[in-house]
Amino acid sequence: MSVIIDIVVGLIAFLHICFLVLEMFLWDKPLGLRVFGHTKEMAAKTKVLAANQGLYNGFLAAGLLWGLILGDDGTNVKIFFLSCVLLAGLYGGATASRKILLFQAFPAAIGLALVVSS
């Protein structure tokens, strides 16, 4: 079961690396515009804010990867960072886009439940 849990945590970390790339490097590019549904003008105005948000997503990914590297000693680290991801996803889902609930909060809730129950 711990291998499955680590795979889920790893996938959540990978998602946040993808968010980092989208927000920091592709925000005003065609893929970023499609994913986030922004116009070029809106993306240009918000590019710095998006890059900052992407950096935070990178920190979340780094924390999850750190928890994985620690192995059995990383349980509390995984719980902390999955809780951060879940709270960020719930806040983003309530304030920015309901899609954030699906792509951030839901996976984090599953991962957190798995880690806590192990």
Protein backbone atom coordinates (compact mmCIF):
# COMPACT_ATOMS: atom_id res chain seq x y z
CA MET A 1 0.00 0.00 0.00
CA SER A 2 2.86 2.43 0.74
CA VAL A 3 4.01 2.20 -2.87
CA ILE A 4 0.53 3.23 -4.08
CA ILE A 5 0.49 6.11 -1.59
CA ASP A 6 3.92 7.28 -2.76
CA ILE A 7 2.76 7.11 -6.39
CA VAL A 8 -0.28 9.27 -5.54
CA VAL A 9 1.89 11.79 -3.65
CA GLY A 10 4.36 11.77 -6.56
CA LEU A 11 1.57 12.45 -9.05
CA ILE A 12 0.37 15.39 -6.95
CA ALA A 13 3.93 16.74 -6.88
CA PHE A 14 4.11 16.30 -10.67
CA LEU A 15 0.83 18.22 -11.07
CA HIS A 16 2.31 21.11 -9.13
CA ILE A 17 5.43 21.07 -11.26
CA CYS A 18 3.13 21.30 -14.28
CA PHE A 19 1.30 24.21 -12.63
CA LEU A 20 4.67 25.89 -12.03
CA VAL A 21 5.61 25.56 -15.71
CA LEU A 22 2.21 26.78 -16.91
CA GLU A 23 2.13 29.77 -14.57
CA MET A 24 5.78 30.82 -14.71
CA PHE A 25 6.70 30.10 -18.33
CA LEU A 26 3.58 29.49 -20.43
CA TRP A 27 1.10 31.96 -18.93
CA ASP A 28 1.05 34.23 -21.98
CA LYS A 29 1.78 31.50 -24.55
CA PRO A 30 -0.92 29.69 -26.56
CA LEU A 31 -1.06 26.69 -24.19
CA GLY A 32 -1.29 28.87 -21.09
CA LEU A 33 -3.96 31.05 -22.69
CA ARG A 34 -6.01 27.94 -23.54
CA VAL A 35 -5.60 26.29 -20.15
CA PHE A 36 -6.52 29.39 -18.16
CA GLY A 37 -8.93 30.94 -20.65
CA HIS A 38 -7.26 34.35 -20.68
CA THR A 39 -6.82 36.84 -23.46
CA LYS A 40 -3.30 37.98 -24.40
CA GLU A 41 -4.07 41.34 -22.82
CA MET A 42 -5.20 39.82 -19.52
CA ALA A 43 -2.20 37.46 -19.48
CA ALA A 44 0.18 40.38 -20.05
CA LYS A 45 -1.36 42.30 -17.12
CA THR A 46 -1.20 39.32 -14.76
CA LYS A 47 2.04 37.64 -15.85
CA VAL A 48 4.05 38.66 -12.78
CA LEU A 49 1.30 37.54 -10.40
CA ALA A 50 1.01 34.22 -12.22
CA ALA A 51 4.76 33.66 -12.01
CA ASN A 52 4.63 34.26 -8.26
CA GLN A 53 1.77 31.77 -7.98
CA GLY A 54 3.77 29.27 -10.03
CA LEU A 55 6.71 29.64 -7.66
CA TYR A 56 4.45 28.76 -4.73
CA ASN A 57 3.27 25.68 -6.59
CA GLY A 58 6.91 24.74 -7.03
CA PHE A 59 7.43 24.98 -3.27
CA LEU A 60 4.47 22.66 -2.73
CA ALA A 61 5.94 20.16 -5.19
CA ALA A 62 9.35 20.41 -3.50
CA GLY A 63 7.81 19.71 -0.11
CA LEU A 64 5.96 16.66 -1.39
CA LEU A 65 9.12 15.36 -3.05
CA TRP A 66 11.04 15.97 0.17
CA GLY A 67 8.47 13.87 2.03
CA LEU A 68 8.90 11.09 -0.52
CA ILE A 69 12.70 11.20 -0.26
CA LEU A 70 12.49 10.85 3.52
CA GLY A 71 10.61 7.56 3.10
CA ASP A 72 8.84 6.39 6.26
CA ASP A 73 10.25 9.37 8.15
CA GLY A 74 8.50 11.73 5.70
CA THR A 75 4.92 11.02 6.75
CA ASN A 76 4.53 14.27 8.70
CA VAL A 77 6.12 16.25 5.85
CA LYS A 78 3.67 14.68 3.37
CA ILE A 79 0.74 15.44 5.68
CA PHE A 80 1.82 19.06 6.05
CA PHE A 81 2.32 19.71 2.34
CA LEU A 82 -0.78 17.79 1.26
CA SER A 83 -2.75 19.88 3.77
CA CYS A 84 -1.26 23.03 2.24
CA VAL A 85 -2.22 21.83 -1.25
CA LEU A 86 -5.74 21.00 -0.08
CA LEU A 87 -6.25 24.37 1.60
CA ALA A 88 -4.87 26.23 -1.42
CA GLY A 89 -7.15 24.20 -3.68
CA LEU A 90 -10.21 24.88 -1.55
CA TYR A 91 -9.44 28.59 -1.44
CA GLY A 92 -8.74 28.74 -5.17
CA GLY A 93 -11.90 26.78 -5.91
CA ALA A 94 -13.96 29.20 -3.82
CA THR A 95 -12.37 32.40 -5.13
CA ALA A 96 -10.94 31.82 -8.60
CA SER A 97 -12.27 28.78 -10.45
CA ARG A 98 -14.22 25.67 -9.52
CA LYS A 99 -11.82 23.69 -11.75
CA ILE A 100 -9.20 24.14 -9.04
CA LEU A 101 -11.29 21.89 -6.79
CA LEU A 102 -10.97 19.09 -9.34
CA PHE A 103 -7.32 19.52 -10.26
CA GLN A 104 -5.83 20.53 -6.92
CA ALA A 105 -8.11 20.02 -3.92
CA PHE A 106 -9.57 16.62 -4.87
CA PRO A 107 -6.21 14.91 -5.55
CA ALA A 108 -4.78 16.43 -2.35
CA ALA A 109 -7.76 15.16 -0.32
CA ILE A 110 -7.25 11.66 -1.70
CA GLY A 111 -3.51 11.78 -1.04
CA LEU A 112 -4.00 13.14 2.46
CA ALA A 113 -6.57 10.48 3.30
CA LEU A 114 -4.23 7.77 2.06
CA VAL A 115 -1.21 9.06 3.96
CA VAL A 116 -3.14 9.59 7.20
CA SER A 117 -4.77 6.15 7.00
CA SER A 118 -1.51 4.29 6.42
